[in-house]
Amino acid sequence: MNSMDYEVLLYKDEKGVFIAECVDLPGCISDGKTKQEAITNIREAILAYLESIKKETNELHSKAEIIKITI
């Protein structure tokens, strides 16, 4: 698999748990007791998410183009 960058929103919730949400993959969220644990867990969640998509579509659209649209 080719290396890709994903934006992750990292914050502490009201209970003091670190939450990591992958901005690029809706619903891909993980957590951890520490920042590093949350980052490790979101990496695993992203890989599982992508594997799930790959199984469903049998191919990731690696040649897809990202464009900006002004509204």
PDB file of N, CA and C in Angstrom:
ATOM      1  N   MET A   1       0.841  -1.176   0.000  1.00  0.00           N
ATOM      2  CA  MET A   1       0.000   0.000   0.000  1.00  0.00           C
ATOM      3  C   MET A   1       0.884   1.236   0.000  1.00  0.00           C
ATOM      4  N   ASN A   2       0.530   2.194  -0.809  1.00  0.00           N
ATOM      5  CA  ASN A   2       1.279   3.446  -0.859  1.00  0.00           C
ATOM      6  C   ASN A   2       1.046   4.260   0.404  1.00  0.00           C
ATOM      7  N   SER A   3       2.031   5.035   0.766  1.00  0.00           N
ATOM      8  CA  SER A   3       1.934   5.899   1.935  1.00  0.00           C
ATOM      9  C   SER A   3       1.058   7.106   1.614  1.00  0.00           C
ATOM     10  N   MET A   4       0.157   7.449   2.532  1.00  0.00           N
ATOM     11  CA  MET A   4      -0.707   8.618   2.361  1.00  0.00           C
ATOM     12  C   MET A   4      -0.782   9.370   3.679  1.00  0.00           C
ATOM     13  N   ASP A   5      -1.048  10.658   3.605  1.00  0.00           N
ATOM     14  CA  ASP A   5      -1.221  11.482   4.798  1.00  0.00           C
ATOM     15  C   ASP A   5      -2.709  11.665   5.077  1.00  0.00           C
ATOM     16  N   TYR A   6      -3.067  11.616   6.349  1.00  0.00           N
ATOM     17  CA  TYR A   6      -4.444  11.839   6.773  1.00  0.00           C
ATOM     18  C   TYR A   6      -4.451  12.878   7.886  1.00  0.00           C
ATOM     19  N   GLU A   7      -5.407  13.785   7.849  1.00  0.00           N
ATOM     20  CA  GLU A   7      -5.546  14.775   8.913  1.00  0.00           C
ATOM     21  C   GLU A   7      -6.332  14.148  10.056  1.00  0.00           C
ATOM     22  N   VAL A   8      -5.802  14.318  11.278  1.00  0.00           N
ATOM     23  CA  VAL A   8      -6.441  13.763  12.465  1.00  0.00           C
ATOM     24  C   VAL A   8      -6.682  14.885  13.468  1.00  0.00           C
ATOM     25  N   LEU A   9      -7.916  14.990  13.925  1.00  0.00           N
ATOM     26  CA  LEU A   9      -8.284  15.932  14.970  1.00  0.00           C
ATOM     27  C   LEU A   9      -8.031  15.236  16.306  1.00  0.00           C
ATOM     28  N   LEU A  10      -7.172  15.814  17.134  1.00  0.00           N
ATOM     29  CA  LEU A  10      -6.787  15.203  18.405  1.00  0.00           C
ATOM     30  C   LEU A  10      -7.160  16.148  19.538  1.00  0.00           C
ATOM     31  N   TYR A  11      -7.959  15.654  20.478  1.00  0.00           N
ATOM     32  CA  TYR A  11      -8.378  16.488  21.603  1.00  0.00           C
ATOM     33  C   TYR A  11      -8.665  15.624  22.832  1.00  0.00           C
ATOM     34  N   LYS A  12      -8.740  16.279  23.970  1.00  0.00           N
ATOM     35  CA  LYS A  12      -9.035  15.608  25.228  1.00  0.00           C
ATOM     36  C   LYS A  12     -10.510  15.821  25.547  1.00  0.00           C
ATOM     37  N   ASP A  13     -11.227  14.744  25.866  1.00  0.00           N
ATOM     38  CA  ASP A  13     -12.639  14.896  26.206  1.00  0.00           C
ATOM     39  C   ASP A  13     -12.806  15.274  27.676  1.00  0.00           C
ATOM     40  N   GLU A  14     -14.059  15.400  28.101  1.00  0.00           N
ATOM     41  CA  GLU A  14     -14.339  15.844  29.466  1.00  0.00           C
ATOM     42  C   GLU A  14     -13.876  14.859  30.537  1.00  0.00           C
ATOM     43  N   LYS A  15     -13.634  13.610  30.153  1.00  0.00           N
ATOM     44  CA  LYS A  15     -13.149  12.597  31.102  1.00  0.00           C
ATOM     45  C   LYS A  15     -11.629  12.484  31.095  1.00  0.00           C
ATOM     46  N   GLY A  16     -10.972  13.291  30.265  1.00  0.00           N
ATOM     47  CA  GLY A  16      -9.516  13.267  30.199  1.00  0.00           C
ATOM     48  C   GLY A  16      -8.940  12.254  29.225  1.00  0.00           C
ATOM     49  N   VAL A  17      -9.801  11.641  28.420  1.00  0.00           N
ATOM     50  CA  VAL A  17      -9.365  10.665  27.421  1.00  0.00           C
ATOM     51  C   VAL A  17      -9.043  11.413  26.126  1.00  0.00           C
ATOM     52  N   PHE A  18      -7.953  11.042  25.474  1.00  0.00           N
ATOM     53  CA  PHE A  18      -7.600  11.653  24.196  1.00  0.00           C
ATOM     54  C   PHE A  18      -8.410  10.995  23.083  1.00  0.00           C
ATOM     55  N   ILE A  19      -9.063  11.818  22.287  1.00  0.00           N
ATOM     56  CA  ILE A  19      -9.876  11.363  21.162  1.00  0.00           C
ATOM     57  C   ILE A  19      -9.146  11.730  19.878  1.00  0.00           C
ATOM     58  N   ALA A  20      -9.108  10.798  18.942  1.00  0.00           N
ATOM     59  CA  ALA A  20      -8.488  11.025  17.637  1.00  0.00           C
ATOM     60  C   ALA A  20      -9.525  10.715  16.561  1.00  0.00           C
ATOM     61  N   GLU A  21      -9.841  11.721  15.745  1.00  0.00           N
ATOM     62  CA  GLU A  21     -10.812  11.562  14.662  1.00  0.00           C
ATOM     63  C   GLU A  21     -10.128  11.835  13.336  1.00  0.00           C
ATOM     64  N   CYS A  22     -10.208  10.892  12.412  1.00  0.00           N
ATOM     65  CA  CYS A  22      -9.637  11.096  11.088  1.00  0.00           C
ATOM     66  C   CYS A  22     -10.607  11.951  10.276  1.00  0.00           C
ATOM     67  N   VAL A  23     -10.197  13.175   9.984  1.00  0.00           N
ATOM     68  CA  VAL A  23     -11.033  14.140   9.274  1.00  0.00           C
ATOM     69  C   VAL A  23     -11.404  13.620   7.882  1.00  0.00           C
ATOM     70  N   ASP A  24     -10.499  12.904   7.255  1.00  0.00           N
ATOM     71  CA  ASP A  24     -10.683  12.448   5.876  1.00  0.00           C
ATOM     72  C   ASP A  24     -11.565  11.208   5.749  1.00  0.00           C
ATOM     73  N   LEU A  25     -11.795  10.499   6.859  1.00  0.00           N
ATOM     74  CA  LEU A  25     -12.551   9.251   6.814  1.00  0.00           C
ATOM     75  C   LEU A  25     -13.703   9.323   7.817  1.00  0.00           C
ATOM     76  N   PRO A  26     -14.896   9.685   7.374  1.00  0.00           N
ATOM     77  CA  PRO A  26     -16.036   9.853   8.279  1.00  0.00           C
ATOM     78  C   PRO A  26     -16.279   8.618   9.151  1.00  0.00           C
ATOM     79  N   GLY A  27     -16.407   8.863  10.449  1.00  0.00           N
ATOM     80  CA  GLY A  27     -16.675   7.776  11.384  1.00  0.00           C
ATOM     81  C   GLY A  27     -15.451   7.040  11.870  1.00  0.00           C
ATOM     82  N   CYS A  28     -14.284   7.407  11.384  1.00  0.00           N
ATOM     83  CA  CYS A  28     -13.038   6.750  11.794  1.00  0.00           C
ATOM     84  C   CYS A  28     -12.501   7.493  13.019  1.00  0.00           C
ATOM     85  N   ILE A  29     -12.793   6.937  14.200  1.00  0.00           N
ATOM     86  CA  ILE A  29     -12.471   7.578  15.475  1.00  0.00           C
ATOM     87  C   ILE A  29     -11.838   6.548  16.402  1.00  0.00           C
ATOM     88  N   SER A  30     -10.901   7.004  17.213  1.00  0.00           N
ATOM     89  CA  SER A  30     -10.292   6.141  18.219  1.00  0.00           C
ATOM     90  C   SER A  30      -9.971   6.988  19.440  1.00  0.00           C
ATOM     91  N   ASP A  31      -9.403   6.359  20.457  1.00  0.00           N
ATOM     92  CA  ASP A  31      -9.055   7.100  21.667  1.00  0.00           C
ATOM     93  C   ASP A  31      -7.858   6.455  22.351  1.00  0.00           C
ATOM     94  N   GLY A  32      -7.432   7.074  23.433  1.00  0.00           N
ATOM     95  CA  GLY A  32      -6.322   6.538  24.211  1.00  0.00           C
ATOM     96  C   GLY A  32      -6.149   7.319  25.497  1.00  0.00           C
ATOM     97  N   LYS A  33      -5.465   6.707  26.448  1.00  0.00           N
ATOM     98  CA  LYS A  33      -5.197   7.373  27.725  1.00  0.00           C
ATOM     99  C   LYS A  33      -4.173   8.487  27.569  1.00  0.00           C
ATOM    100  N   THR A  34      -3.302   8.361  26.554  1.00  0.00           N
ATOM    101  CA  THR A  34      -2.288   9.372  26.265  1.00  0.00           C
ATOM    102  C   THR A  34      -2.413   9.781  24.800  1.00  0.00           C
ATOM    103  N   LYS A  35      -1.759  10.905  24.435  1.00  0.00           N
ATOM    104  CA  LYS A  35      -1.753  11.326  23.029  1.00  0.00           C
ATOM    105  C   LYS A  35      -1.168  10.228  22.153  1.00  0.00           C
ATOM    106  N   GLN A  36      -0.030   9.680  22.587  1.00  0.00           N
ATOM    107  CA  GLN A  36       0.645   8.667  21.777  1.00  0.00           C
ATOM    108  C   GLN A  36      -0.224   7.426  21.596  1.00  0.00           C
ATOM    109  N   GLU A  37      -0.915   7.014  22.649  1.00  0.00           N
ATOM    110  CA  GLU A  37      -1.799   5.854  22.541  1.00  0.00           C
ATOM    111  C   GLU A  37      -2.945   6.146  21.572  1.00  0.00           C
ATOM    112  N   ALA A  38      -3.501   7.352  21.636  1.00  0.00           N
ATOM    113  CA  ALA A  38      -4.579   7.725  20.715  1.00  0.00           C
ATOM    114  C   ALA A  38      -4.079   7.739  19.270  1.00  0.00           C
ATOM    115  N   ILE A  39      -2.862   8.229  19.055  1.00  0.00           N
ATOM    116  CA  ILE A  39      -2.279   8.260  17.710  1.00  0.00           C
ATOM    117  C   ILE A  39      -2.032   6.847  17.199  1.00  0.00           C
ATOM    118  N   THR A  40      -1.483   5.996  18.052  1.00  0.00           N
ATOM    119  CA  THR A  40      -1.263   4.593  17.671  1.00  0.00           C
ATOM    120  C   THR A  40      -2.588   3.931  17.317  1.00  0.00           C
ATOM    121  N   ASN A  41      -3.608   4.175  18.131  1.00  0.00           N
ATOM    122  CA  ASN A  41      -4.913   3.557  17.905  1.00  0.00           C
ATOM    123  C   ASN A  41      -5.593   4.082  16.646  1.00  0.00           C
ATOM    124  N   ILE A  42      -5.449   5.383  16.341  1.00  0.00           N
ATOM    125  CA  ILE A  42      -6.084   5.907  15.127  1.00  0.00           C
ATOM    126  C   ILE A  42      -5.367   5.386  13.883  1.00  0.00           C
ATOM    127  N   ARG A  43      -4.066   5.156  13.974  1.00  0.00           N
ATOM    128  CA  ARG A  43      -3.352   4.538  12.838  1.00  0.00           C
ATOM    129  C   ARG A  43      -3.956   3.169  12.530  1.00  0.00           C
ATOM    130  N   GLU A  44      -4.170   2.383  13.579  1.00  0.00           N
ATOM    131  CA  GLU A  44      -4.766   1.053  13.406  1.00  0.00           C
ATOM    132  C   GLU A  44      -6.190   1.161  12.873  1.00  0.00           C
ATOM    133  N   ALA A  45      -6.945   2.146  13.373  1.00  0.00           N
ATOM    134  CA  ALA A  45      -8.321   2.341  12.913  1.00  0.00           C
ATOM    135  C   ALA A  45      -8.362   2.749  11.439  1.00  0.00           C
ATOM    136  N   ILE A  46      -7.440   3.617  11.040  1.00  0.00           N
ATOM    137  CA  ILE A  46      -7.373   4.041   9.634  1.00  0.00           C
ATOM    138  C   ILE A  46      -7.057   2.850   8.737  1.00  0.00           C
ATOM    139  N   LEU A  47      -6.088   2.041   9.137  1.00  0.00           N
ATOM    140  CA  LEU A  47      -5.747   0.856   8.343  1.00  0.00           C
ATOM    141  C   LEU A  47      -6.933  -0.096   8.228  1.00  0.00           C
ATOM    142  N   ALA A  48      -7.657  -0.308   9.329  1.00  0.00           N
ATOM    143  CA  ALA A  48      -8.830  -1.182   9.309  1.00  0.00           C
ATOM    144  C   ALA A  48      -9.932  -0.590   8.427  1.00  0.00           C
ATOM    145  N   TYR A  49     -10.121   0.724   8.502  1.00  0.00           N
ATOM    146  CA  TYR A  49     -11.116   1.423   7.691  1.00  0.00           C
ATOM    147  C   TYR A  49     -10.806   1.232   6.208  1.00  0.00           C
ATOM    148  N   LEU A  50      -9.544   1.472   5.843  1.00  0.00           N
ATOM    149  CA  LEU A  50      -9.143   1.346   4.438  1.00  0.00           C
ATOM    150  C   LEU A  50      -9.258  -0.089   3.949  1.00  0.00           C
ATOM    151  N   GLU A  51      -8.921  -1.042   4.799  1.00  0.00           N
ATOM    152  CA  GLU A  51      -9.042  -2.456   4.430  1.00  0.00           C
ATOM    153  C   GLU A  51     -10.508  -2.809   4.196  1.00  0.00           C
ATOM    154  N   SER A  52     -11.390  -2.259   5.013  1.00  0.00           N
ATOM    155  CA  SER A  52     -12.821  -2.485   4.853  1.00  0.00           C
ATOM    156  C   SER A  52     -13.313  -1.935   3.515  1.00  0.00           C
ATOM    157  N   ILE A  53     -12.873  -0.720   3.181  1.00  0.00           N
ATOM    158  CA  ILE A  53     -13.247  -0.124   1.893  1.00  0.00           C
ATOM    159  C   ILE A  53     -12.711  -0.976   0.749  1.00  0.00           C
ATOM    160  N   LYS A  54     -11.470  -1.423   0.895  1.00  0.00           N
ATOM    161  CA  LYS A  54     -10.843  -2.225  -0.155  1.00  0.00           C
ATOM    162  C   LYS A  54     -11.626  -3.508  -0.391  1.00  0.00           C
ATOM    163  N   LYS A  55     -12.056  -4.128   0.683  1.00  0.00           N
ATOM    164  CA  LYS A  55     -12.837  -5.360   0.545  1.00  0.00           C
ATOM    165  C   LYS A  55     -14.176  -5.085  -0.122  1.00  0.00           C
ATOM    166  N   GLU A  56     -14.799  -3.963   0.242  1.00  0.00           N
ATOM    167  CA  GLU A  56     -16.111  -3.627  -0.326  1.00  0.00           C
ATOM    168  C   GLU A  56     -16.018  -3.264  -1.802  1.00  0.00           C
ATOM    169  N   THR A  57     -15.030  -2.529  -2.172  1.00  0.00           N
ATOM    170  CA  THR A  57     -14.923  -2.067  -3.559  1.00  0.00           C
ATOM    171  C   THR A  57     -13.928  -2.876  -4.376  1.00  0.00           C
ATOM    172  N   ASN A  58     -13.132  -3.687  -3.672  1.00  0.00           N
ATOM    173  CA  ASN A  58     -12.102  -4.537  -4.267  1.00  0.00           C
ATOM    174  C   ASN A  58     -10.975  -3.728  -4.895  1.00  0.00           C
ATOM    175  N   GLU A  59     -10.977  -2.420  -4.645  1.00  0.00           N
ATOM    176  CA  GLU A  59      -9.892  -1.575  -5.148  1.00  0.00           C
ATOM    177  C   GLU A  59     -10.047  -0.169  -4.589  1.00  0.00           C
ATOM    178  N   LEU A  60      -8.953   0.418  -4.141  1.00  0.00           N
ATOM    179  CA  LEU A  60      -8.972   1.816  -3.721  1.00  0.00           C
ATOM    180  C   LEU A  60      -8.704   2.678  -4.951  1.00  0.00           C
ATOM    181  N   HIS A  61      -9.353   3.784  -5.020  1.00  0.00           N
ATOM    182  CA  HIS A  61      -9.215   4.666  -6.177  1.00  0.00           C
ATOM    183  C   HIS A  61      -7.978   5.547  -6.018  1.00  0.00           C
ATOM    184  N   SER A  62      -6.815   4.950  -6.197  1.00  0.00           N
ATOM    185  CA  SER A  62      -5.556   5.666  -5.987  1.00  0.00           C
ATOM    186  C   SER A  62      -5.304   6.740  -7.046  1.00  0.00           C
ATOM    187  N   LYS A  63      -6.007   6.662  -8.155  1.00  0.00           N
ATOM    188  CA  LYS A  63      -5.818   7.664  -9.209  1.00  0.00           C
ATOM    189  C   LYS A  63      -6.902   8.739  -9.169  1.00  0.00           C
ATOM    190  N   ALA A  64      -7.657   8.771  -8.075  1.00  0.00           N
ATOM    191  CA  ALA A  64      -8.705   9.786  -7.942  1.00  0.00           C
ATOM    192  C   ALA A  64      -8.066  11.161  -7.827  1.00  0.00           C
ATOM    193  N   GLU A  65      -8.791  12.146  -8.257  1.00  0.00           N
ATOM    194  CA  GLU A  65      -8.301  13.520  -8.246  1.00  0.00           C
ATOM    195  C   GLU A  65      -9.084  14.325  -7.215  1.00  0.00           C
ATOM    196  N   ILE A  66      -8.392  15.124  -6.433  1.00  0.00           N
ATOM    197  CA  ILE A  66      -9.035  16.016  -5.477  1.00  0.00           C
ATOM    198  C   ILE A  66      -9.030  17.409  -6.083  1.00  0.00           C
ATOM    199  N   ILE A  67     -10.202  18.012  -6.149  1.00  0.00           N
ATOM    200  CA  ILE A  67     -10.320  19.355  -6.711  1.00  0.00           C
ATOM    201  C   ILE A  67     -10.996  20.267  -5.691  1.00  0.00           C
ATOM    202  N   LYS A  68     -10.813  21.563  -5.845  1.00  0.00           N
ATOM    203  CA  LYS A  68     -11.492  22.545  -5.002  1.00  0.00           C
ATOM    204  C   LYS A  68     -12.572  23.214  -5.827  1.00  0.00           C
ATOM    205  N   ILE A  69     -13.724  23.416  -5.201  1.00  0.00           N
ATOM    206  CA  ILE A  69     -14.849  24.072  -5.858  1.00  0.00           C
ATOM    207  C   ILE A  69     -15.238  25.279  -5.018  1.00  0.00           C
ATOM    208  N   THR A  70     -15.367  26.420  -5.640  1.00  0.00           N
ATOM    209  CA  THR A  70     -15.783  27.631  -4.944  1.00  0.00           C
ATOM    210  C   THR A  70     -17.284  27.795  -5.087  1.00  0.00           C
ATOM    211  N   ILE A  71     -17.943  28.047  -3.973  1.00  0.00           N
ATOM    212  CA  ILE A  71     -19.405  28.222  -3.987  1.00  0.00           C
ATOM    213  C   ILE A  71     -19.732  29.610  -3.489  1.00  0.00           C
TER     214      ILE A  71
END
